[in-house]
Amino acid sequence: GTAMGGGCELALACDFRYIAKGGGRIGLPEVRVGILP
């Protein structure tokens, strides 16, 4: 499911990332407002 900000960064620290069928949202939304993750 949702993996935004710190959740996305946690996933990036892993060796493999698998997203469930049917999806999940993953991203770093803070960059849209000029904030570094």
ModelCIF file with pLDDT and N, C-alpha, C, O atoms, coordinates in Angstrom:
data_MODEL
#
_entry.id   MODEL 
#
_entity.id                         1 
_entity.type                       polymer 
_entity.pdbx_number_of_molecules   1 
#
_entity_poly.entity_id                      1 
_entity_poly.type                           'polypeptide(L)' 
_entity_poly.nstd_linkage                   no 
_entity_poly.nstd_monomer                   no 
_entity_poly.pdbx_seq_one_letter_code       GTAMGGGCELALACDFRYIAKGGGRIGLPEVRVGILP 
_entity_poly.pdbx_seq_one_letter_code_can   GTAMGGGCELALACDFRYIAKGGGRIGLPEVRVGILP 
_entity_poly.pdbx_strand_id                 A 
#
loop_
_entity_poly_seq.entity_id 
_entity_poly_seq.num 
_entity_poly_seq.mon_id 
_entity_poly_seq.hetero 
1 1  GLY n 
1 2  THR n 
1 3  ALA n 
1 4  MET n 
1 5  GLY n 
1 6  GLY n 
1 7  GLY n 
1 8  CYS n 
1 9  GLU n 
1 10 LEU n 
1 11 ALA n 
1 12 LEU n 
1 13 ALA n 
1 14 CYS n 
1 15 ASP n 
1 16 PHE n 
1 17 ARG n 
1 18 TYR n 
1 19 ILE n 
1 20 ALA n 
1 21 LYS n 
1 22 GLY n 
1 23 GLY n 
1 24 GLY n 
1 25 ARG n 
1 26 ILE n 
1 27 GLY n 
1 28 LEU n 
1 29 PRO n 
1 30 GLU n 
1 31 VAL n 
1 32 ARG n 
1 33 VAL n 
1 34 GLY n 
1 35 ILE n 
1 36 LEU n 
1 37 PRO n 
#
_struct_asym.id          A 
_struct_asym.entity_id   1 
#
loop_
_ma_qa_metric.id 
_ma_qa_metric.mode 
_ma_qa_metric.name 
_ma_qa_metric.software_group_id 
_ma_qa_metric.type 
1 global pLDDT . pLDDT 
2 local  pLDDT . pLDDT 
#
_ma_qa_metric_global.metric_id      1 
_ma_qa_metric_global.metric_value   82.57 
_ma_qa_metric_global.model_id       1 
_ma_qa_metric_global.ordinal_id     1 
#
loop_
_ma_qa_metric_local.label_asym_id 
_ma_qa_metric_local.label_comp_id 
_ma_qa_metric_local.label_seq_id 
_ma_qa_metric_local.metric_id 
_ma_qa_metric_local.metric_value 
_ma_qa_metric_local.model_id 
_ma_qa_metric_local.ordinal_id 
A GLY 1  2 94.00 1 1  
A THR 2  2 92.00 1 2  
A ALA 3  2 93.00 1 3  
A MET 4  2 91.00 1 4  
A GLY 5  2 88.00 1 5  
A GLY 6  2 90.00 1 6  
A GLY 7  2 92.00 1 7  
A CYS 8  2 91.00 1 8  
A GLU 9  2 90.00 1 9  
A LEU 10 2 93.00 1 10 
A ALA 11 2 94.00 1 11 
A LEU 12 2 92.00 1 12 
A ALA 13 2 93.00 1 13 
A CYS 14 2 96.00 1 14 
A ASP 15 2 97.00 1 15 
A PHE 16 2 97.00 1 16 
A ARG 17 2 95.00 1 17 
A TYR 18 2 94.00 1 18 
A ILE 19 2 94.00 1 19 
A ALA 20 2 90.00 1 20 
A LYS 21 2 86.00 1 21 
A GLY 22 2 79.00 1 22 
A GLY 23 2 73.00 1 23 
A GLY 24 2 77.00 1 24 
A ARG 25 2 86.00 1 25 
A ILE 26 2 86.00 1 26 
A GLY 27 2 85.00 1 27 
A LEU 28 2 83.00 1 28 
A PRO 29 2 69.00 1 29 
A GLU 30 2 68.00 1 30 
A VAL 31 2 59.00 1 31 
A ARG 32 2 62.00 1 32 
A VAL 33 2 60.00 1 33 
A GLY 34 2 58.00 1 34 
A ILE 35 2 59.00 1 35 
A LEU 36 2 54.00 1 36 
A PRO 37 2 55.00 1 37 
#
loop_
_atom_site.group_PDB 
_atom_site.id 
_atom_site.type_symbol 
_atom_site.label_atom_id 
_atom_site.label_alt_id 
_atom_site.label_comp_id 
_atom_site.label_asym_id 
_atom_site.label_entity_id 
_atom_site.label_seq_id 
_atom_site.pdbx_PDB_ins_code 
_atom_site.Cartn_x 
_atom_site.Cartn_y 
_atom_site.Cartn_z 
_atom_site.occupancy 
_atom_site.B_iso_or_equiv 
_atom_site.pdbx_formal_charge 
_atom_site.auth_seq_id 
_atom_site.auth_comp_id 
_atom_site.auth_asym_id 
_atom_site.auth_atom_id 
_atom_site.pdbx_PDB_model_num 
ATOM 1   N N  . GLY A 1 1  ? 0.837  -1.192 0.000  1.00 94.00 ? 1  GLY A N  1 
ATOM 2   C CA . GLY A 1 1  ? 0.000  0.000  0.000  1.00 94.00 ? 1  GLY A CA 1 
ATOM 3   C C  . GLY A 1 1  ? 0.868  1.236  0.000  1.00 94.00 ? 1  GLY A C  1 
ATOM 4   O O  . GLY A 1 1  ? 1.996  1.211  -0.492 1.00 94.00 ? 1  GLY A O  1 
ATOM 5   N N  . THR A 1 2  ? 0.351  2.308  0.544  1.00 92.00 ? 2  THR A N  1 
ATOM 6   C CA . THR A 1 2  ? 1.022  3.597  0.532  1.00 92.00 ? 2  THR A CA 1 
ATOM 7   C C  . THR A 1 2  ? 2.399  3.531  1.185  1.00 92.00 ? 2  THR A C  1 
ATOM 8   O O  . THR A 1 2  ? 2.554  3.015  2.292  1.00 92.00 ? 2  THR A O  1 
ATOM 9   N N  . ALA A 1 3  ? 3.400  4.067  0.475  1.00 93.00 ? 3  ALA A N  1 
ATOM 10  C CA . ALA A 1 3  ? 4.774  4.165  0.979  1.00 93.00 ? 3  ALA A CA 1 
ATOM 11  C C  . ALA A 1 3  ? 5.311  5.519  0.538  1.00 93.00 ? 3  ALA A C  1 
ATOM 12  O O  . ALA A 1 3  ? 5.995  5.629  -0.480 1.00 93.00 ? 3  ALA A O  1 
ATOM 13  N N  . MET A 1 4  ? 4.996  6.537  1.309  1.00 91.00 ? 4  MET A N  1 
ATOM 14  C CA . MET A 1 4  ? 5.404  7.891  0.958  1.00 91.00 ? 4  MET A CA 1 
ATOM 15  C C  . MET A 1 4  ? 6.463  8.395  1.930  1.00 91.00 ? 4  MET A C  1 
ATOM 16  O O  . MET A 1 4  ? 6.556  7.917  3.060  1.00 91.00 ? 4  MET A O  1 
ATOM 17  N N  . GLY A 1 5  ? 7.258  9.359  1.488  1.00 88.00 ? 5  GLY A N  1 
ATOM 18  C CA . GLY A 1 5  ? 8.249  9.987  2.358  1.00 88.00 ? 5  GLY A CA 1 
ATOM 19  C C  . GLY A 1 5  ? 9.141  8.961  3.022  1.00 88.00 ? 5  GLY A C  1 
ATOM 20  O O  . GLY A 1 5  ? 9.859  8.221  2.350  1.00 88.00 ? 5  GLY A O  1 
ATOM 21  N N  . GLY A 1 6  ? 9.094  8.917  4.366  1.00 90.00 ? 6  GLY A N  1 
ATOM 22  C CA . GLY A 1 6  ? 9.910  7.976  5.128  1.00 90.00 ? 6  GLY A CA 1 
ATOM 23  C C  . GLY A 1 6  ? 9.614  6.521  4.790  1.00 90.00 ? 6  GLY A C  1 
ATOM 24  O O  . GLY A 1 6  ? 10.504 5.674  4.877  1.00 90.00 ? 6  GLY A O  1 
ATOM 25  N N  . GLY A 1 7  ? 8.381  6.221  4.407  1.00 92.00 ? 7  GLY A N  1 
ATOM 26  C CA . GLY A 1 7  ? 8.043  4.859  3.987  1.00 92.00 ? 7  GLY A CA 1 
ATOM 27  C C  . GLY A 1 7  ? 8.736  4.490  2.690  1.00 92.00 ? 7  GLY A C  1 
ATOM 28  O O  . GLY A 1 7  ? 9.201  3.362  2.526  1.00 92.00 ? 7  GLY A O  1 
ATOM 29  N N  . CYS A 1 8  ? 8.804  5.437  1.773  1.00 91.00 ? 8  CYS A N  1 
ATOM 30  C CA . CYS A 1 8  ? 9.519  5.223  0.516  1.00 91.00 ? 8  CYS A CA 1 
ATOM 31  C C  . CYS A 1 8  ? 11.013 5.057  0.803  1.00 91.00 ? 8  CYS A C  1 
ATOM 32  O O  . CYS A 1 8  ? 11.659 4.170  0.247  1.00 91.00 ? 8  CYS A O  1 
ATOM 33  N N  . GLU A 1 9  ? 11.558 5.910  1.670  1.00 90.00 ? 9  GLU A N  1 
ATOM 34  C CA . GLU A 1 9  ? 12.978 5.818  1.993  1.00 90.00 ? 9  GLU A CA 1 
ATOM 35  C C  . GLU A 1 9  ? 13.316 4.505  2.691  1.00 90.00 ? 9  GLU A C  1 
ATOM 36  O O  . GLU A 1 9  ? 14.388 3.944  2.468  1.00 90.00 ? 9  GLU A O  1 
ATOM 37  N N  . LEU A 1 10 ? 12.417 4.012  3.530  1.00 93.00 ? 10 LEU A N  1 
ATOM 38  C CA . LEU A 1 10 ? 12.607 2.706  4.151  1.00 93.00 ? 10 LEU A CA 1 
ATOM 39  C C  . LEU A 1 10 ? 12.666 1.623  3.074  1.00 93.00 ? 10 LEU A C  1 
ATOM 40  O O  . LEU A 1 10 ? 13.530 0.747  3.113  1.00 93.00 ? 10 LEU A O  1 
ATOM 41  N N  . ALA A 1 11 ? 11.751 1.688  2.125  1.00 94.00 ? 11 ALA A N  1 
ATOM 42  C CA . ALA A 1 11 ? 11.749 0.715  1.031  1.00 94.00 ? 11 ALA A CA 1 
ATOM 43  C C  . ALA A 1 11 ? 13.030 0.814  0.195  1.00 94.00 ? 11 ALA A C  1 
ATOM 44  O O  . ALA A 1 11 ? 13.571 -0.202 -0.239 1.00 94.00 ? 11 ALA A O  1 
ATOM 45  N N  . LEU A 1 12 ? 13.511 2.041  -0.027 1.00 92.00 ? 12 LEU A N  1 
ATOM 46  C CA . LEU A 1 12 ? 14.738 2.220  -0.810 1.00 92.00 ? 12 LEU A CA 1 
ATOM 47  C C  . LEU A 1 12 ? 15.956 1.632  -0.113 1.00 92.00 ? 12 LEU A C  1 
ATOM 48  O O  . LEU A 1 12 ? 16.922 1.258  -0.778 1.00 92.00 ? 12 LEU A O  1 
ATOM 49  N N  . ALA A 1 13 ? 15.929 1.542  1.219  1.00 93.00 ? 13 ALA A N  1 
ATOM 50  C CA . ALA A 1 13 ? 17.048 0.971  1.970  1.00 93.00 ? 13 ALA A CA 1 
ATOM 51  C C  . ALA A 1 13 ? 17.083 -0.547 1.860  1.00 93.00 ? 13 ALA A C  1 
ATOM 52  O O  . ALA A 1 13 ? 18.076 -1.176 2.224  1.00 93.00 ? 13 ALA A O  1 
ATOM 53  N N  . CYS A 1 14 ? 16.008 -1.134 1.362  1.00 96.00 ? 14 CYS A N  1 
ATOM 54  C CA . CYS A 1 14 ? 15.935 -2.589 1.221  1.00 96.00 ? 14 CYS A CA 1 
ATOM 55  C C  . CYS A 1 14 ? 16.614 -3.026 -0.078 1.00 96.00 ? 14 CYS A C  1 
ATOM 56  O O  . CYS A 1 14 ? 16.766 -2.241 -1.014 1.00 96.00 ? 14 CYS A O  1 
ATOM 57  N N  . ASP A 1 15 ? 17.014 -4.289 -0.108 1.00 97.00 ? 15 ASP A N  1 
ATOM 58  C CA . ASP A 1 15 ? 17.669 -4.826 -1.299 1.00 97.00 ? 15 ASP A CA 1 
ATOM 59  C C  . ASP A 1 15 ? 16.690 -5.045 -2.451 1.00 97.00 ? 15 ASP A C  1 
ATOM 60  O O  . ASP A 1 15 ? 17.041 -4.872 -3.619 1.00 97.00 ? 15 ASP A O  1 
ATOM 61  N N  . PHE A 1 16 ? 15.473 -5.424 -2.111 1.00 97.00 ? 16 PHE A N  1 
ATOM 62  C CA . PHE A 1 16 ? 14.438 -5.687 -3.110 1.00 97.00 ? 16 PHE A CA 1 
ATOM 63  C C  . PHE A 1 16 ? 13.157 -5.000 -2.671 1.00 97.00 ? 16 PHE A C  1 
ATOM 64  O O  . PHE A 1 16 ? 12.865 -4.906 -1.479 1.00 97.00 ? 16 PHE A O  1 
ATOM 65  N N  . ARG A 1 17 ? 12.391 -4.518 -3.654 1.00 95.00 ? 17 ARG A N  1 
ATOM 66  C CA . ARG A 1 17 ? 11.113 -3.877 -3.391 1.00 95.00 ? 17 ARG A CA 1 
ATOM 67  C C  . ARG A 1 17 ? 10.065 -4.515 -4.305 1.00 95.00 ? 17 ARG A C  1 
ATOM 68  O O  . ARG A 1 17 ? 10.212 -4.528 -5.527 1.00 95.00 ? 17 ARG A O  1 
ATOM 69  N N  . TYR A 1 18 ? 9.021  -5.034 -3.696 1.00 94.00 ? 18 TYR A N  1 
ATOM 70  C CA . TYR A 1 18 ? 7.915  -5.623 -4.437 1.00 94.00 ? 18 TYR A CA 1 
ATOM 71  C C  . TYR A 1 18 ? 6.644  -4.911 -4.035 1.00 94.00 ? 18 TYR A C  1 
ATOM 72  O O  . TYR A 1 18 ? 6.359  -4.757 -2.847 1.00 94.00 ? 18 TYR A O  1 
ATOM 73  N N  . ILE A 1 19 ? 5.878  -4.477 -5.025 1.00 94.00 ? 19 ILE A N  1 
ATOM 74  C CA . ILE A 1 19 ? 4.614  -3.807 -4.748 1.00 94.00 ? 19 ILE A CA 1 
ATOM 75  C C  . ILE A 1 19 ? 3.483  -4.787 -5.025 1.00 94.00 ? 19 ILE A C  1 
ATOM 76  O O  . ILE A 1 19 ? 3.463  -5.455 -6.059 1.00 94.00 ? 19 ILE A O  1 
ATOM 77  N N  . ALA A 1 20 ? 2.544  -4.863 -4.089 1.00 90.00 ? 20 ALA A N  1 
ATOM 78  C CA . ALA A 1 20 ? 1.429  -5.798 -4.188 1.00 90.00 ? 20 ALA A CA 1 
ATOM 79  C C  . ALA A 1 20 ? 0.628  -5.564 -5.462 1.00 90.00 ? 20 ALA A C  1 
ATOM 80  O O  . ALA A 1 20 ? 0.473  -4.433 -5.922 1.00 90.00 ? 20 ALA A O  1 
ATOM 81  N N  . LYS A 1 21 ? 0.127  -6.654 -6.016 1.00 86.00 ? 21 LYS A N  1 
ATOM 82  C CA . LYS A 1 21 ? -0.746 -6.553 -7.174 1.00 86.00 ? 21 LYS A CA 1 
ATOM 83  C C  . LYS A 1 21 ? -1.939 -5.681 -6.793 1.00 86.00 ? 21 LYS A C  1 
ATOM 84  O O  . LYS A 1 21 ? -2.496 -5.822 -5.704 1.00 86.00 ? 21 LYS A O  1 
ATOM 85  N N  . GLY A 1 22 ? -2.316 -4.808 -7.667 1.00 79.00 ? 22 GLY A N  1 
ATOM 86  C CA . GLY A 1 22 ? -3.369 -3.869 -7.335 1.00 79.00 ? 22 GLY A CA 1 
ATOM 87  C C  . GLY A 1 22 ? -2.780 -2.566 -6.829 1.00 79.00 ? 22 GLY A C  1 
ATOM 88  O O  . GLY A 1 22 ? -3.473 -1.563 -6.653 1.00 79.00 ? 22 GLY A O  1 
ATOM 89  N N  . GLY A 1 23 ? -1.488 -2.619 -6.604 1.00 73.00 ? 23 GLY A N  1 
ATOM 90  C CA . GLY A 1 23 ? -0.761 -1.391 -6.385 1.00 73.00 ? 23 GLY A CA 1 
ATOM 91  C C  . GLY A 1 23 ? -0.585 -0.905 -4.970 1.00 73.00 ? 23 GLY A C  1 
ATOM 92  O O  . GLY A 1 23 ? -0.995 -1.502 -3.974 1.00 73.00 ? 23 GLY A O  1 
ATOM 93  N N  . GLY A 1 24 ? 0.025  0.168  -4.979 1.00 77.00 ? 24 GLY A N  1 
ATOM 94  C CA . GLY A 1 24 ? 0.362  0.918  -3.803 1.00 77.00 ? 24 GLY A CA 1 
ATOM 95  C C  . GLY A 1 24 ? 0.976  2.189  -4.348 1.00 77.00 ? 24 GLY A C  1 
ATOM 96  O O  . GLY A 1 24 ? 1.486  2.215  -5.468 1.00 77.00 ? 24 GLY A O  1 
ATOM 97  N N  . ARG A 1 25 ? 0.926  3.212  -3.573 1.00 86.00 ? 25 ARG A N  1 
ATOM 98  C CA . ARG A 1 25 ? 1.552  4.463  -4.002 1.00 86.00 ? 25 ARG A CA 1 
ATOM 99  C C  . ARG A 1 25 ? 2.884  4.581  -3.309 1.00 86.00 ? 25 ARG A C  1 
ATOM 100 O O  . ARG A 1 25 ? 2.993  4.369  -2.101 1.00 86.00 ? 25 ARG A O  1 
ATOM 101 N N  . ILE A 1 26 ? 3.901  4.922  -4.084 1.00 86.00 ? 26 ILE A N  1 
ATOM 102 C CA . ILE A 1 26 ? 5.228  5.070  -3.518 1.00 86.00 ? 26 ILE A CA 1 
ATOM 103 C C  . ILE A 1 26 ? 5.825  6.361  -4.065 1.00 86.00 ? 26 ILE A C  1 
ATOM 104 O O  . ILE A 1 26 ? 5.705  6.648  -5.256 1.00 86.00 ? 26 ILE A O  1 
ATOM 105 N N  . GLY A 1 27 ? 6.466  7.137  -3.196 1.00 85.00 ? 27 GLY A N  1 
ATOM 106 C CA . GLY A 1 27 ? 7.059  8.370  -3.680 1.00 85.00 ? 27 GLY A CA 1 
ATOM 107 C C  . GLY A 1 27 ? 7.582  9.257  -2.574 1.00 85.00 ? 27 GLY A C  1 
ATOM 108 O O  . GLY A 1 27 ? 7.480  8.947  -1.386 1.00 85.00 ? 27 GLY A O  1 
ATOM 109 N N  . LEU A 1 28 ? 8.141  10.358 -3.001 1.00 83.00 ? 28 LEU A N  1 
ATOM 110 C CA . LEU A 1 28 ? 8.705  11.367 -2.107 1.00 83.00 ? 28 LEU A CA 1 
ATOM 111 C C  . LEU A 1 28 ? 7.984  12.686 -2.376 1.00 83.00 ? 28 LEU A C  1 
ATOM 112 O O  . LEU A 1 28 ? 8.534  13.556 -3.052 1.00 83.00 ? 28 LEU A O  1 
ATOM 113 N N  . PRO A 1 29 ? 6.767  12.853 -1.860 1.00 69.00 ? 29 PRO A N  1 
ATOM 114 C CA . PRO A 1 29 ? 5.964  14.035 -2.188 1.00 69.00 ? 29 PRO A CA 1 
ATOM 115 C C  . PRO A 1 29 ? 6.568  15.352 -1.710 1.00 69.00 ? 29 PRO A C  1 
ATOM 116 O O  . PRO A 1 29 ? 6.203  16.412 -2.218 1.00 69.00 ? 29 PRO A O  1 
ATOM 117 N N  . GLU A 1 30 ? 7.477  15.307 -0.749 1.00 68.00 ? 30 GLU A N  1 
ATOM 118 C CA . GLU A 1 30 ? 8.064  16.537 -0.224 1.00 68.00 ? 30 GLU A CA 1 
ATOM 119 C C  . GLU A 1 30 ? 8.854  17.306 -1.280 1.00 68.00 ? 30 GLU A C  1 
ATOM 120 O O  . GLU A 1 30 ? 9.014  18.522 -1.175 1.00 68.00 ? 30 GLU A O  1 
ATOM 121 N N  . VAL A 1 31 ? 9.348  16.599 -2.296 1.00 59.00 ? 31 VAL A N  1 
ATOM 122 C CA . VAL A 1 31 ? 10.136 17.294 -3.327 1.00 59.00 ? 31 VAL A CA 1 
ATOM 123 C C  . VAL A 1 31 ? 9.271  18.237 -4.164 1.00 59.00 ? 31 VAL A C  1 
ATOM 124 O O  . VAL A 1 31 ? 9.791  19.173 -4.773 1.00 59.00 ? 31 VAL A O  1 
ATOM 125 N N  . ARG A 1 32 ? 7.970  18.003 -4.199 1.00 62.00 ? 32 ARG A N  1 
ATOM 126 C CA . ARG A 1 32 ? 7.069  18.891 -4.950 1.00 62.00 ? 32 ARG A CA 1 
ATOM 127 C C  . ARG A 1 32 ? 6.993  20.290 -4.373 1.00 62.00 ? 32 ARG A C  1 
ATOM 128 O O  . ARG A 1 32 ? 6.644  21.242 -5.072 1.00 62.00 ? 32 ARG A O  1 
ATOM 129 N N  . VAL A 1 33 ? 7.322  20.412 -3.089 1.00 60.00 ? 33 VAL A N  1 
ATOM 130 C CA . VAL A 1 33 ? 7.287  21.723 -2.452 1.00 60.00 ? 33 VAL A CA 1 
ATOM 131 C C  . VAL A 1 33 ? 8.698  22.201 -2.089 1.00 60.00 ? 33 VAL A C  1 
ATOM 132 O O  . VAL A 1 33 ? 8.865  23.098 -1.262 1.00 60.00 ? 33 VAL A O  1 
ATOM 133 N N  . GLY A 1 34 ? 9.691  21.603 -2.708 1.00 58.00 ? 34 GLY A N  1 
ATOM 134 C CA . GLY A 1 34 ? 11.072 22.051 -2.536 1.00 58.00 ? 34 GLY A CA 1 
ATOM 135 C C  . GLY A 1 34 ? 11.747 21.616 -1.254 1.00 58.00 ? 34 GLY A C  1 
ATOM 136 O O  . GLY A 1 34 ? 12.722 22.235 -0.829 1.00 58.00 ? 34 GLY A O  1 
ATOM 137 N N  . ILE A 1 35 ? 11.248 20.565 -0.632 1.00 59.00 ? 35 ILE A N  1 
ATOM 138 C CA . ILE A 1 35 ? 11.861 20.054 0.597  1.00 59.00 ? 35 ILE A CA 1 
ATOM 139 C C  . ILE A 1 35 ? 12.648 18.789 0.252  1.00 59.00 ? 35 ILE A C  1 
ATOM 140 O O  . ILE A 1 35 ? 12.140 17.905 -0.437 1.00 59.00 ? 35 ILE A O  1 
ATOM 141 N N  . LEU A 1 36 ? 13.873 18.710 0.729  1.00 54.00 ? 36 LEU A N  1 
ATOM 142 C CA . LEU A 1 36 ? 14.669 17.506 0.525  1.00 54.00 ? 36 LEU A CA 1 
ATOM 143 C C  . LEU A 1 36 ? 14.119 16.375 1.387  1.00 54.00 ? 36 LEU A C  1 
ATOM 144 O O  . LEU A 1 36 ? 13.706 16.612 2.523  1.00 54.00 ? 36 LEU A O  1 
ATOM 145 N N  . PRO A 1 37 ? 14.108 15.158 0.868  1.00 55.00 ? 37 PRO A N  1 
ATOM 146 C CA . PRO A 1 37 ? 13.691 14.027 1.700  1.00 55.00 ? 37 PRO A CA 1 
ATOM 147 C C  . PRO A 1 37 ? 14.571 13.927 2.942  1.00 55.00 ? 37 PRO A C  1 
ATOM 148 O O  . PRO A 1 37 ? 14.374 13.035 3.767  1.00 55.00 ? 37 PRO A O  1 
#
